[in-house]
Amino acid sequence: KINLLRKVPAMKDGDFTLAESIAILLYLCRKYQTPDHWYPEDPL
């Protein structure tokens, strides 16, 4: 019910669920506005 792919990691944030580690990492970066060095704004 959390992840139909039956893989970990998986995330549930309220009613929103998300699979795949890279997608989860990027979600956390954006939602929690983590320091820039983790996923820099600089395009290069």
PDB file of all heavy atoms in Angstrom:
ATOM      1  N   LYS A   1       0.827  -1.206   0.000  1.00  0.00           N
ATOM      2  CA  LYS A   1       0.000   0.000   0.000  1.00  0.00           C
ATOM      3  C   LYS A   1       0.866   1.262   0.000  1.00  0.00           C
ATOM      4  O   LYS A   1       0.417   2.325  -0.424  1.00  0.00           O
ATOM      5  CB  LYS A   1      -0.923   0.009   1.220  1.00  0.00           C
ATOM      6  CG  LYS A   1      -1.921  -1.143   1.243  1.00  0.00           C
ATOM      7  CD  LYS A   1      -2.705  -1.158   2.546  1.00  0.00           C
ATOM      8  CE  LYS A   1      -3.632  -2.365   2.605  1.00  0.00           C
ATOM      9  NZ  LYS A   1      -4.349  -2.436   3.900  1.00  0.00           N
ATOM     10  N   ILE A   2       2.084   1.125   0.476  1.00  0.00           N
ATOM     11  CA  ILE A   2       3.027   2.243   0.476  1.00  0.00           C
ATOM     12  C   ILE A   2       3.783   2.292  -0.841  1.00  0.00           C
ATOM     13  O   ILE A   2       3.970   3.350  -1.443  1.00  0.00           O
ATOM     14  CB  ILE A   2       4.025   2.109   1.646  1.00  0.00           C
ATOM     15  CG1 ILE A   2       3.280   2.063   2.983  1.00  0.00           C
ATOM     16  CG2 ILE A   2       5.037   3.249   1.632  1.00  0.00           C
ATOM     17  CD1 ILE A   2       2.470   3.311   3.298  1.00  0.00           C
ATOM     18  N   ASN A   3       4.238   1.127  -1.295  1.00  0.00           N
ATOM     19  CA  ASN A   3       5.019   1.068  -2.534  1.00  0.00           C
ATOM     20  C   ASN A   3       4.676  -0.209  -3.296  1.00  0.00           C
ATOM     21  O   ASN A   3       5.113  -1.306  -2.921  1.00  0.00           O
ATOM     22  CB  ASN A   3       6.518   1.116  -2.240  1.00  0.00           C
ATOM     23  CG  ASN A   3       7.347   1.179  -3.506  1.00  0.00           C
ATOM     24  OD1 ASN A   3       6.825   1.343  -4.605  1.00  0.00           O
ATOM     25  ND2 ASN A   3       8.654   1.053  -3.360  1.00  0.00           N
ATOM     26  N   LEU A   4       3.920  -0.055  -4.346  1.00  0.00           N
ATOM     27  CA  LEU A   4       3.509  -1.199  -5.150  1.00  0.00           C
ATOM     28  C   LEU A   4       4.700  -1.869  -5.827  1.00  0.00           C
ATOM     29  O   LEU A   4       4.624  -3.034  -6.236  1.00  0.00           O
ATOM     30  CB  LEU A   4       2.487  -0.754  -6.196  1.00  0.00           C
ATOM     31  CG  LEU A   4       1.697  -1.849  -6.919  1.00  0.00           C
ATOM     32  CD1 LEU A   4       0.941  -2.723  -5.910  1.00  0.00           C
ATOM     33  CD2 LEU A   4       0.731  -1.245  -7.925  1.00  0.00           C
ATOM     34  N   LEU A   5       5.820  -1.156  -5.943  1.00  0.00           N
ATOM     35  CA  LEU A   5       7.033  -1.753  -6.502  1.00  0.00           C
ATOM     36  C   LEU A   5       7.672  -2.752  -5.544  1.00  0.00           C
ATOM     37  O   LEU A   5       8.571  -3.491  -5.930  1.00  0.00           O
ATOM     38  CB  LEU A   5       8.047  -0.655  -6.846  1.00  0.00           C
ATOM     39  CG  LEU A   5       7.593   0.387  -7.868  1.00  0.00           C
ATOM     40  CD1 LEU A   5       8.662   1.460  -8.031  1.00  0.00           C
ATOM     41  CD2 LEU A   5       7.272  -0.260  -9.209  1.00  0.00           C
ATOM     42  N   ARG A   6       7.250  -2.708  -4.276  1.00  0.00           N
ATOM     43  CA  ARG A   6       7.744  -3.631  -3.237  1.00  0.00           C
ATOM     44  C   ARG A   6       9.252  -3.524  -3.064  1.00  0.00           C
ATOM     45  O   ARG A   6       9.965  -4.527  -2.941  1.00  0.00           O
ATOM     46  CB  ARG A   6       7.320  -5.069  -3.555  1.00  0.00           C
ATOM     47  CG  ARG A   6       5.805  -5.240  -3.626  1.00  0.00           C
ATOM     48  CD  ARG A   6       5.402  -6.662  -3.933  1.00  0.00           C
ATOM     49  NE  ARG A   6       3.956  -6.787  -4.103  1.00  0.00           N
ATOM     50  CZ  ARG A   6       3.070  -6.942  -3.132  1.00  0.00           C
ATOM     51  NH1 ARG A   6       3.499  -6.978  -1.878  1.00  0.00           N
ATOM     52  NH2 ARG A   6       1.777  -7.059  -3.378  1.00  0.00           N
ATOM     53  N   LYS A   7       9.746  -2.294  -3.064  1.00  0.00           N
ATOM     54  CA  LYS A   7      11.167  -2.026  -2.872  1.00  0.00           C
ATOM     55  C   LYS A   7      11.338  -0.952  -1.816  1.00  0.00           C
ATOM     56  O   LYS A   7      10.450  -0.116  -1.606  1.00  0.00           O
ATOM     57  CB  LYS A   7      11.791  -1.541  -4.188  1.00  0.00           C
ATOM     58  CG  LYS A   7      11.833  -2.575  -5.300  1.00  0.00           C
ATOM     59  CD  LYS A   7      12.115  -1.930  -6.638  1.00  0.00           C
ATOM     60  CE  LYS A   7      13.420  -1.152  -6.649  1.00  0.00           C
ATOM     61  NZ  LYS A   7      13.671  -0.512  -7.963  1.00  0.00           N
ATOM     62  N   VAL A   8      12.476  -1.002  -1.158  1.00  0.00           N
ATOM     63  CA  VAL A   8      12.863   0.079  -0.256  1.00  0.00           C
ATOM     64  C   VAL A   8      14.074   0.783  -0.859  1.00  0.00           C
ATOM     65  O   VAL A   8      14.843   0.168  -1.606  1.00  0.00           O
ATOM     66  CB  VAL A   8      13.186  -0.454   1.162  1.00  0.00           C
ATOM     67  CG1 VAL A   8      11.940  -0.896   1.878  1.00  0.00           C
ATOM     68  CG2 VAL A   8      14.213  -1.586   1.118  1.00  0.00           C
ATOM     69  N   PRO A   9      14.210   2.083  -0.549  1.00  0.00           N
ATOM     70  CA  PRO A   9      13.404   2.895   0.348  1.00  0.00           C
ATOM     71  C   PRO A   9      12.074   3.310  -0.266  1.00  0.00           C
ATOM     72  O   PRO A   9      11.912   3.309  -1.488  1.00  0.00           O
ATOM     73  CB  PRO A   9      14.286   4.128   0.583  1.00  0.00           C
ATOM     74  CG  PRO A   9      15.037   4.272  -0.700  1.00  0.00           C
ATOM     75  CD  PRO A   9      15.330   2.862  -1.137  1.00  0.00           C
ATOM     76  N   ALA A  10      11.172   3.669   0.631  1.00  0.00           N
ATOM     77  CA  ALA A  10       9.920   4.293   0.231  1.00  0.00           C
ATOM     78  C   ALA A  10       9.624   5.395   1.237  1.00  0.00           C
ATOM     79  O   ALA A  10      10.126   5.371   2.365  1.00  0.00           O
ATOM     80  CB  ALA A  10       8.785   3.283   0.184  1.00  0.00           C
ATOM     81  N   MET A  11       8.835   6.348   0.807  1.00  0.00           N
ATOM     82  CA  MET A  11       8.541   7.510   1.645  1.00  0.00           C
ATOM     83  C   MET A  11       7.044   7.778   1.657  1.00  0.00           C
ATOM     84  O   MET A  11       6.365   7.592   0.645  1.00  0.00           O
ATOM     85  CB  MET A  11       9.274   8.732   1.085  1.00  0.00           C
ATOM     86  CG  MET A  11       9.169   9.995   1.927  1.00  0.00           C
ATOM     87  SD  MET A  11       9.533  11.466   0.919  1.00  0.00           S
ATOM     88  CE  MET A  11       7.937  11.690   0.104  1.00  0.00           C
ATOM     89  N   LYS A  12       6.548   8.199   2.823  1.00  0.00           N
ATOM     90  CA  LYS A  12       5.169   8.658   2.933  1.00  0.00           C
ATOM     91  C   LYS A  12       5.199   9.987   3.671  1.00  0.00           C
ATOM     92  O   LYS A  12       5.721  10.075   4.778  1.00  0.00           O
ATOM     93  CB  LYS A  12       4.313   7.639   3.687  1.00  0.00           C
ATOM     94  CG  LYS A  12       2.810   7.929   3.652  1.00  0.00           C
ATOM     95  CD  LYS A  12       2.030   6.750   4.237  1.00  0.00           C
ATOM     96  CE  LYS A  12       0.533   6.917   4.012  1.00  0.00           C
ATOM     97  NZ  LYS A  12      -0.053   8.020   4.806  1.00  0.00           N
ATOM     98  N   ASP A  13       4.676  10.998   3.054  1.00  0.00           N
ATOM     99  CA  ASP A  13       4.635  12.336   3.646  1.00  0.00           C
ATOM    100  C   ASP A  13       3.188  12.801   3.586  1.00  0.00           C
ATOM    101  O   ASP A  13       2.720  13.276   2.560  1.00  0.00           O
ATOM    102  CB  ASP A  13       5.541  13.285   2.863  1.00  0.00           C
ATOM    103  CG  ASP A  13       5.771  14.597   3.617  1.00  0.00           C
ATOM    104  OD1 ASP A  13       5.316  14.707   4.770  1.00  0.00           O
ATOM    105  OD2 ASP A  13       6.417  15.497   3.037  1.00  0.00           O
ATOM    106  N   GLY A  14       2.483  12.630   4.707  1.00  0.00           N
ATOM    107  CA  GLY A  14       1.048  12.868   4.680  1.00  0.00           C
ATOM    108  C   GLY A  14       0.375  11.818   3.819  1.00  0.00           C
ATOM    109  O   GLY A  14       0.542  10.613   4.029  1.00  0.00           O
ATOM    110  N   ASP A  15      -0.339  12.257   2.814  1.00  0.00           N
ATOM    111  CA  ASP A  15      -0.995  11.321   1.885  1.00  0.00           C
ATOM    112  C   ASP A  15      -0.141  11.042   0.654  1.00  0.00           C
ATOM    113  O   ASP A  15      -0.560  10.279  -0.226  1.00  0.00           O
ATOM    114  CB  ASP A  15      -2.350  11.896   1.426  1.00  0.00           C
ATOM    115  CG  ASP A  15      -3.351  11.986   2.574  1.00  0.00           C
ATOM    116  OD1 ASP A  15      -3.287  11.119   3.473  1.00  0.00           O
ATOM    117  OD2 ASP A  15      -4.173  12.912   2.574  1.00  0.00           O
ATOM    118  N   PHE A  16       1.031  11.653   0.589  1.00  0.00           N
ATOM    119  CA  PHE A  16       1.891  11.528  -0.583  1.00  0.00           C
ATOM    120  C   PHE A  16       2.912  10.420  -0.373  1.00  0.00           C
ATOM    121  O   PHE A  16       3.619  10.410   0.639  1.00  0.00           O
ATOM    122  CB  PHE A  16       2.600  12.852  -0.847  1.00  0.00           C
ATOM    123  CG  PHE A  16       3.540  12.834  -2.016  1.00  0.00           C
ATOM    124  CD1 PHE A  16       3.054  12.730  -3.311  1.00  0.00           C
ATOM    125  CD2 PHE A  16       4.915  12.929  -1.836  1.00  0.00           C
ATOM    126  CE1 PHE A  16       3.909  12.713  -4.401  1.00  0.00           C
ATOM    127  CE2 PHE A  16       5.781  12.921  -2.914  1.00  0.00           C
ATOM    128  CZ  PHE A  16       5.277  12.814  -4.204  1.00  0.00           C
ATOM    129  N   THR A  17       2.986   9.491  -1.318  1.00  0.00           N
ATOM    130  CA  THR A  17       3.983   8.429  -1.240  1.00  0.00           C
ATOM    131  C   THR A  17       4.942   8.537  -2.417  1.00  0.00           C
ATOM    132  O   THR A  17       4.579   9.033  -3.491  1.00  0.00           O
ATOM    133  CB  THR A  17       3.329   7.035  -1.243  1.00  0.00           C
ATOM    134  OG1 THR A  17       2.551   6.880  -2.431  1.00  0.00           O
ATOM    135  CG2 THR A  17       2.446   6.848  -0.015  1.00  0.00           C
ATOM    136  N   LEU A  18       6.162   8.070  -2.188  1.00  0.00           N
ATOM    137  CA  LEU A  18       7.196   8.189  -3.216  1.00  0.00           C
ATOM    138  C   LEU A  18       8.138   6.998  -3.113  1.00  0.00           C
ATOM    139  O   LEU A  18       8.511   6.592  -2.012  1.00  0.00           O
ATOM    140  CB  LEU A  18       7.971   9.493  -3.026  1.00  0.00           C
ATOM    141  CG  LEU A  18       8.948   9.921  -4.129  1.00  0.00           C
ATOM    142  CD1 LEU A  18       8.216  10.188  -5.438  1.00  0.00           C
ATOM    143  CD2 LEU A  18       9.725  11.169  -3.702  1.00  0.00           C
ATOM    144  N   ALA A  19       8.519   6.470  -4.276  1.00  0.00           N
ATOM    145  CA  ALA A  19       9.492   5.381  -4.348  1.00  0.00           C
ATOM    146  C   ALA A  19      10.758   5.889  -5.030  1.00  0.00           C
ATOM    147  O   ALA A  19      10.781   6.986  -5.582  1.00  0.00           O
ATOM    148  CB  ALA A  19       8.907   4.200  -5.131  1.00  0.00           C
ATOM    149  N   GLU A  20      11.799   5.073  -4.974  1.00  0.00           N
ATOM    150  CA  GLU A  20      13.093   5.309  -5.609  1.00  0.00           C
ATOM    151  C   GLU A  20      13.937   6.320  -4.821  1.00  0.00           C
ATOM    152  O   GLU A  20      13.522   7.441  -4.566  1.00  0.00           O
ATOM    153  CB  GLU A  20      12.954   5.747  -7.062  1.00  0.00           C
ATOM    154  CG  GLU A  20      12.291   4.696  -7.936  1.00  0.00           C
ATOM    155  CD  GLU A  20      13.084   3.391  -7.998  1.00  0.00           C
ATOM    156  OE1 GLU A  20      14.332   3.442  -7.959  1.00  0.00           O
ATOM    157  OE2 GLU A  20      12.459   2.323  -8.086  1.00  0.00           O
ATOM    158  N   SER A  21      15.138   5.875  -4.458  1.00  0.00           N
ATOM    159  CA  SER A  21      15.986   6.653  -3.552  1.00  0.00           C
ATOM    160  C   SER A  21      16.362   8.027  -4.100  1.00  0.00           C
ATOM    161  O   SER A  21      16.365   9.016  -3.355  1.00  0.00           O
ATOM    162  CB  SER A  21      17.259   5.868  -3.220  1.00  0.00           C
ATOM    163  OG  SER A  21      17.979   5.543  -4.398  1.00  0.00           O
ATOM    164  N   ILE A  22      16.691   8.108  -5.384  1.00  0.00           N
ATOM    165  CA  ILE A  22      17.099   9.405  -5.935  1.00  0.00           C
ATOM    166  C   ILE A  22      15.936  10.385  -5.910  1.00  0.00           C
ATOM    167  O   ILE A  22      16.099  11.558  -5.545  1.00  0.00           O
ATOM    168  CB  ILE A  22      17.644   9.253  -7.369  1.00  0.00           C
ATOM    169  CG1 ILE A  22      18.848   8.282  -7.395  1.00  0.00           C
ATOM    170  CG2 ILE A  22      18.051  10.611  -7.934  1.00  0.00           C
ATOM    171  CD1 ILE A  22      19.987   8.671  -6.491  1.00  0.00           C
ATOM    172  N   ALA A  23      14.748   9.910  -6.261  1.00  0.00           N
ATOM    173  CA  ALA A  23      13.564  10.766  -6.207  1.00  0.00           C
ATOM    174  C   ALA A  23      13.302  11.238  -4.781  1.00  0.00           C
ATOM    175  O   ALA A  23      12.961  12.411  -4.554  1.00  0.00           O
ATOM    176  CB  ALA A  23      12.347  10.019  -6.749  1.00  0.00           C
ATOM    177  N   ILE A  24      13.489  10.341  -3.816  1.00  0.00           N
ATOM    178  CA  ILE A  24      13.270  10.708  -2.407  1.00  0.00           C
ATOM    179  C   ILE A  24      14.313  11.733  -1.955  1.00  0.00           C
ATOM    180  O   ILE A  24      13.980  12.730  -1.289  1.00  0.00           O
ATOM    181  CB  ILE A  24      13.307   9.452  -1.518  1.00  0.00           C
ATOM    182  CG1 ILE A  24      12.103   8.555  -1.834  1.00  0.00           C
ATOM    183  CG2 ILE A  24      13.319   9.836  -0.043  1.00  0.00           C
ATOM    184  CD1 ILE A  24      12.170   7.178  -1.199  1.00  0.00           C
ATOM    185  N   LEU A  25      15.571  11.517  -2.307  1.00  0.00           N
ATOM    186  CA  LEU A  25      16.623  12.465  -1.934  1.00  0.00           C
ATOM    187  C   LEU A  25      16.347  13.858  -2.494  1.00  0.00           C
ATOM    188  O   LEU A  25      16.491  14.876  -1.783  1.00  0.00           O
ATOM    189  CB  LEU A  25      17.975  11.969  -2.427  1.00  0.00           C
ATOM    190  CG  LEU A  25      18.560  10.757  -1.684  1.00  0.00           C
ATOM    191  CD1 LEU A  25      19.735  10.171  -2.459  1.00  0.00           C
ATOM    192  CD2 LEU A  25      18.980  11.139  -0.277  1.00  0.00           C
ATOM    193  N   LEU A  26      15.953  13.927  -3.747  1.00  0.00           N
ATOM    194  CA  LEU A  26      15.676  15.226  -4.361  1.00  0.00           C
ATOM    195  C   LEU A  26      14.443  15.880  -3.741  1.00  0.00           C
ATOM    196  O   LEU A  26      14.400  17.105  -3.559  1.00  0.00           O
ATOM    197  CB  LEU A  26      15.504  15.065  -5.868  1.00  0.00           C
ATOM    198  CG  LEU A  26      16.768  14.624  -6.621  1.00  0.00           C
ATOM    199  CD1 LEU A  26      16.460  14.436  -8.103  1.00  0.00           C
ATOM    200  CD2 LEU A  26      17.900  15.620  -6.440  1.00  0.00           C
ATOM    201  N   TYR A  27      13.457  15.079  -3.411  1.00  0.00           N
ATOM    202  CA  TYR A  27      12.261  15.606  -2.732  1.00  0.00           C
ATOM    203  C   TYR A  27      12.640  16.235  -1.394  1.00  0.00           C
ATOM    204  O   TYR A  27      12.200  17.339  -1.058  1.00  0.00           O
ATOM    205  CB  TYR A  27      11.252  14.474  -2.523  1.00  0.00           C
ATOM    206  CG  TYR A  27      10.023  14.875  -1.735  1.00  0.00           C
ATOM    207  CD1 TYR A  27       8.915  15.435  -2.366  1.00  0.00           C
ATOM    208  CD2 TYR A  27       9.966  14.682  -0.354  1.00  0.00           C
ATOM    209  CE1 TYR A  27       7.783  15.799  -1.639  1.00  0.00           C
ATOM    210  CE2 TYR A  27       8.848  15.045   0.381  1.00  0.00           C
ATOM    211  CZ  TYR A  27       7.755  15.596  -0.265  1.00  0.00           C
ATOM    212  OH  TYR A  27       6.633  15.965   0.466  1.00  0.00           O
ATOM    213  N   LEU A  28      13.464  15.516  -0.629  1.00  0.00           N
ATOM    214  CA  LEU A  28      13.879  16.034   0.677  1.00  0.00           C
ATOM    215  C   LEU A  28      14.702  17.311   0.525  1.00  0.00           C
ATOM    216  O   LEU A  28      14.553  18.259   1.315  1.00  0.00           O
ATOM    217  CB  LEU A  28      14.675  14.968   1.435  1.00  0.00           C
ATOM    218  CG  LEU A  28      13.908  13.686   1.801  1.00  0.00           C
ATOM    219  CD1 LEU A  28      14.850  12.695   2.494  1.00  0.00           C
ATOM    220  CD2 LEU A  28      12.717  13.993   2.688  1.00  0.00           C
ATOM    221  N   CYS A  29      15.575  17.340  -0.483  1.00  0.00           N
ATOM    222  CA  CYS A  29      16.361  18.551  -0.759  1.00  0.00           C
ATOM    223  C   CYS A  29      15.451  19.756  -0.956  1.00  0.00           C
ATOM    224  O   CYS A  29      15.682  20.832  -0.394  1.00  0.00           O
ATOM    225  CB  CYS A  29      17.189  18.354  -2.031  1.00  0.00           C
ATOM    226  SG  CYS A  29      18.849  17.761  -1.765  1.00  0.00           S
ATOM    227  N   ARG A  30      14.454  19.574  -1.790  1.00  0.00           N
ATOM    228  CA  ARG A  30      13.600  20.689  -2.188  1.00  0.00           C
ATOM    229  C   ARG A  30      12.634  21.086  -1.080  1.00  0.00           C
ATOM    230  O   ARG A  30      12.459  22.272  -0.788  1.00  0.00           O
ATOM    231  CB  ARG A  30      12.848  20.321  -3.465  1.00  0.00           C
ATOM    232  CG  ARG A  30      13.766  20.220  -4.678  1.00  0.00           C
ATOM    233  CD  ARG A  30      13.165  19.394  -5.795  1.00  0.00           C
ATOM    234  NE  ARG A  30      14.068  19.323  -6.954  1.00  0.00           N
ATOM    235  CZ  ARG A  30      14.052  18.353  -7.847  1.00  0.00           C
ATOM    236  NH1 ARG A  30      13.184  17.350  -7.737  1.00  0.00           N
ATOM    237  NH2 ARG A  30      14.897  18.359  -8.861  1.00  0.00           N
ATOM    238  N   LYS A  31      12.012  20.100  -0.465  1.00  0.00           N
ATOM    239  CA  LYS A  31      11.020  20.437   0.557  1.00  0.00           C
ATOM    240  C   LYS A  31      11.661  21.087   1.771  1.00  0.00           C
ATOM    241  O   LYS A  31      11.122  22.057   2.317  1.00  0.00           O
ATOM    242  CB  LYS A  31      10.253  19.181   0.984  1.00  0.00           C
ATOM    243  CG  LYS A  31       9.282  19.486   2.129  1.00  0.00           C
ATOM    244  CD  LYS A  31       8.308  18.394   2.457  1.00  0.00           C
ATOM    245  CE  LYS A  31       7.420  18.860   3.603  1.00  0.00           C
ATOM    246  NZ  LYS A  31       6.377  17.867   3.940  1.00  0.00           N
ATOM    247  N   TYR A  32      12.799  20.552   2.197  1.00  0.00           N
ATOM    248  CA  TYR A  32      13.413  21.037   3.433  1.00  0.00           C
ATOM    249  C   TYR A  32      14.497  22.079   3.176  1.00  0.00           C
ATOM    250  O   TYR A  32      15.163  22.515   4.118  1.00  0.00           O
ATOM    251  CB  TYR A  32      13.952  19.852   4.238  1.00  0.00           C
ATOM    252  CG  TYR A  32      12.831  18.973   4.742  1.00  0.00           C
ATOM    253  CD1 TYR A  32      12.444  17.843   4.031  1.00  0.00           C
ATOM    254  CD2 TYR A  32      12.125  19.287   5.893  1.00  0.00           C
ATOM    255  CE1 TYR A  32      11.397  17.043   4.473  1.00  0.00           C
ATOM    256  CE2 TYR A  32      11.085  18.498   6.350  1.00  0.00           C
ATOM    257  CZ  TYR A  32      10.721  17.374   5.627  1.00  0.00           C
ATOM    258  OH  TYR A  32       9.674  16.597   6.074  1.00  0.00           O
ATOM    259  N   GLN A  33      14.656  22.467   1.910  1.00  0.00           N
ATOM    260  CA  GLN A  33      15.601  23.531   1.550  1.00  0.00           C
ATOM    261  C   GLN A  33      16.951  23.321   2.232  1.00  0.00           C
ATOM    262  O   GLN A  33      17.458  24.198   2.941  1.00  0.00           O
ATOM    263  CB  GLN A  33      15.004  24.902   1.890  1.00  0.00           C
ATOM    264  CG  GLN A  33      13.721  25.187   1.124  1.00  0.00           C
ATOM    265  CD  GLN A  33      13.141  26.563   1.424  1.00  0.00           C
ATOM    266  OE1 GLN A  33      13.263  27.080   2.528  1.00  0.00           O
ATOM    267  NE2 GLN A  33      12.507  27.159   0.440  1.00  0.00           N
ATOM    268  N   THR A  34      17.503  22.155   2.000  1.00  0.00           N
ATOM    269  CA  THR A  34      18.784  21.803   2.605  1.00  0.00           C
ATOM    270  C   THR A  34      19.906  22.666   2.017  1.00  0.00           C
ATOM    271  O   THR A  34      19.748  23.258   0.943  1.00  0.00           O
ATOM    272  CB  THR A  34      19.086  20.309   2.375  1.00  0.00           C
ATOM    273  OG1 THR A  34      19.022  20.025   0.978  1.00  0.00           O
ATOM    274  CG2 THR A  34      18.078  19.439   3.114  1.00  0.00           C
ATOM    275  N   PRO A  35      21.037  22.758   2.686  1.00  0.00           N
ATOM    276  CA  PRO A  35      22.134  23.605   2.190  1.00  0.00           C
ATOM    277  C   PRO A  35      22.482  23.325   0.736  1.00  0.00           C
ATOM    278  O   PRO A  35      22.434  22.177   0.278  1.00  0.00           O
ATOM    279  CB  PRO A  35      23.286  23.261   3.139  1.00  0.00           C
ATOM    280  CG  PRO A  35      22.607  22.900   4.421  1.00  0.00           C
ATOM    281  CD  PRO A  35      21.350  22.169   4.007  1.00  0.00           C
ATOM    282  N   ASP A  36      22.847  24.371   0.041  1.00  0.00           N
ATOM    283  CA  ASP A  36      23.023  24.331  -1.404  1.00  0.00           C
ATOM    284  C   ASP A  36      24.037  23.289  -1.870  1.00  0.00           C
ATOM    285  O   ASP A  36      23.905  22.724  -2.962  1.00  0.00           O
ATOM    286  CB  ASP A  36      23.443  25.717  -1.901  1.00  0.00           C
ATOM    287  CG  ASP A  36      23.604  25.766  -3.413  1.00  0.00           C
ATOM    288  OD1 ASP A  36      22.574  25.747  -4.119  1.00  0.00           O
ATOM    289  OD2 ASP A  36      24.754  25.797  -3.888  1.00  0.00           O
ATOM    290  N   HIS A  37      25.042  22.999  -1.051  1.00  0.00           N
ATOM    291  CA  HIS A  37      26.108  22.111  -1.520  1.00  0.00           C
ATOM    292  C   HIS A  37      25.607  20.699  -1.813  1.00  0.00           C
ATOM    293  O   HIS A  37      26.215  19.973  -2.601  1.00  0.00           O
ATOM    294  CB  HIS A  37      27.265  22.063  -0.514  1.00  0.00           C
ATOM    295  CG  HIS A  37      26.902  21.500   0.832  1.00  0.00           C
ATOM    296  ND1 HIS A  37      26.886  20.156   1.089  1.00  0.00           N
ATOM    297  CD2 HIS A  37      26.544  22.113   1.994  1.00  0.00           C
ATOM    298  CE1 HIS A  37      26.543  19.955   2.352  1.00  0.00           C
ATOM    299  NE2 HIS A  37      26.322  21.121   2.920  1.00  0.00           N
ATOM    300  N   TRP A  38      24.490  20.304  -1.197  1.00  0.00           N
ATOM    301  CA  TRP A  38      23.993  18.954  -1.445  1.00  0.00           C
ATOM    302  C   TRP A  38      23.533  18.775  -2.895  1.00  0.00           C
ATOM    303  O   TRP A  38      23.769  17.741  -3.509  1.00  0.00           O
ATOM    304  CB  TRP A  38      22.846  18.625  -0.492  1.00  0.00           C
ATOM    305  CG  TRP A  38      23.253  18.493   0.926  1.00  0.00           C
ATOM    306  CD1 TRP A  38      22.947  19.339   1.955  1.00  0.00           C
ATOM    307  CD2 TRP A  38      24.053  17.456   1.503  1.00  0.00           C
ATOM    308  NE1 TRP A  38      23.499  18.901   3.135  1.00  0.00           N
ATOM    309  CE2 TRP A  38      24.181  17.742   2.879  1.00  0.00           C
ATOM    310  CE3 TRP A  38      24.669  16.310   0.990  1.00  0.00           C
ATOM    311  CZ2 TRP A  38      24.902  16.920   3.751  1.00  0.00           C
ATOM    312  CZ3 TRP A  38      25.382  15.483   1.847  1.00  0.00           C
ATOM    313  CH2 TRP A  38      25.499  15.797   3.213  1.00  0.00           C
ATOM    314  N   TYR A  39      22.828  19.782  -3.410  1.00  0.00           N
ATOM    315  CA  TYR A  39      22.328  19.738  -4.789  1.00  0.00           C
ATOM    316  C   TYR A  39      22.373  21.168  -5.309  1.00  0.00           C
ATOM    317  O   TYR A  39      21.372  21.875  -5.315  1.00  0.00           O
ATOM    318  CB  TYR A  39      20.914  19.160  -4.818  1.00  0.00           C
ATOM    319  CG  TYR A  39      20.449  18.756  -6.207  1.00  0.00           C
ATOM    320  CD1 TYR A  39      21.192  17.861  -6.981  1.00  0.00           C
ATOM    321  CD2 TYR A  39      19.270  19.261  -6.730  1.00  0.00           C
ATOM    322  CE1 TYR A  39      20.762  17.481  -8.242  1.00  0.00           C
ATOM    323  CE2 TYR A  39      18.832  18.881  -7.994  1.00  0.00           C
ATOM    324  CZ  TYR A  39      19.583  17.991  -8.739  1.00  0.00           C
ATOM    325  OH  TYR A  39      19.151  17.616  -9.988  1.00  0.00           O
ATOM    326  N   PRO A  40      23.549  21.621  -5.767  1.00  0.00           N
ATOM    327  CA  PRO A  40      23.806  23.041  -5.993  1.00  0.00           C
ATOM    328  C   PRO A  40      22.884  23.696  -7.025  1.00  0.00           C
ATOM    329  O   PRO A  40      22.482  23.069  -8.012  1.00  0.00           O
ATOM    330  CB  PRO A  40      25.260  23.053  -6.489  1.00  0.00           C
ATOM    331  CG  PRO A  40      25.842  21.772  -6.002  1.00  0.00           C
ATOM    332  CD  PRO A  40      24.726  20.788  -6.031  1.00  0.00           C
ATOM    333  N   GLU A  41      22.593  24.955  -6.777  1.00  0.00           N
ATOM    334  CA  GLU A  41      21.840  25.748  -7.750  1.00  0.00           C
ATOM    335  C   GLU A  41      22.692  26.057  -8.986  1.00  0.00           C
ATOM    336  O   GLU A  41      22.161  26.189 -10.088  1.00  0.00           O
ATOM    337  CB  GLU A  41      21.364  27.060  -7.109  1.00  0.00           C
ATOM    338  CG  GLU A  41      20.208  26.887  -6.142  1.00  0.00           C
ATOM    339  CD  GLU A  41      18.924  26.467  -6.837  1.00  0.00           C
ATOM    340  OE1 GLU A  41      18.749  26.779  -8.035  1.00  0.00           O
ATOM    341  OE2 GLU A  41      18.096  25.809  -6.190  1.00  0.00           O
ATOM    342  N   ASP A  42      23.985  26.178  -8.791  1.00  0.00           N
ATOM    343  CA  ASP A  42      24.877  26.429  -9.921  1.00  0.00           C
ATOM    344  C   ASP A  42      24.682  25.332 -10.966  1.00  0.00           C
ATOM    345  O   ASP A  42      24.827  24.145 -10.661  1.00  0.00           O
ATOM    346  CB  ASP A  42      26.327  26.434  -9.438  1.00  0.00           C
ATOM    347  CG  ASP A  42      27.317  26.672 -10.570  1.00  0.00           C
ATOM    348  OD1 ASP A  42      27.663  25.678 -11.250  1.00  0.00           O
ATOM    349  OD2 ASP A  42      27.711  27.819 -10.787  1.00  0.00           O
ATOM    350  N   PRO A  43      24.351  25.694 -12.210  1.00  0.00           N
ATOM    351  CA  PRO A  43      24.005  24.667 -13.209  1.00  0.00           C
ATOM    352  C   PRO A  43      25.137  23.703 -13.526  1.00  0.00           C
ATOM    353  O   PRO A  43      24.881  22.523 -13.808  1.00  0.00           O
ATOM    354  CB  PRO A  43      23.604  25.486 -14.443  1.00  0.00           C
ATOM    355  CG  PRO A  43      24.188  26.842 -14.234  1.00  0.00           C
ATOM    356  CD  PRO A  43      24.209  27.062 -12.754  1.00  0.00           C
ATOM    357  N   LEU A  44      26.370  24.167 -13.482  1.00  0.00           N
ATOM    358  CA  LEU A  44      27.488  23.280 -13.788  1.00  0.00           C
ATOM    359  C   LEU A  44      27.714  22.269 -12.658  1.00  0.00           C
ATOM    360  O   LEU A  44      27.947  21.077 -12.909  1.00  0.00           O
ATOM    361  CB  LEU A  44      28.758  24.097 -14.040  1.00  0.00           C
ATOM    362  CG  LEU A  44      28.705  25.065 -15.224  1.00  0.00           C
ATOM    363  CD1 LEU A  44      30.058  25.744 -15.420  1.00  0.00           C
ATOM    364  CD2 LEU A  44      28.284  24.345 -16.509  1.00  0.00           C
TER     365      LEU A  44
END
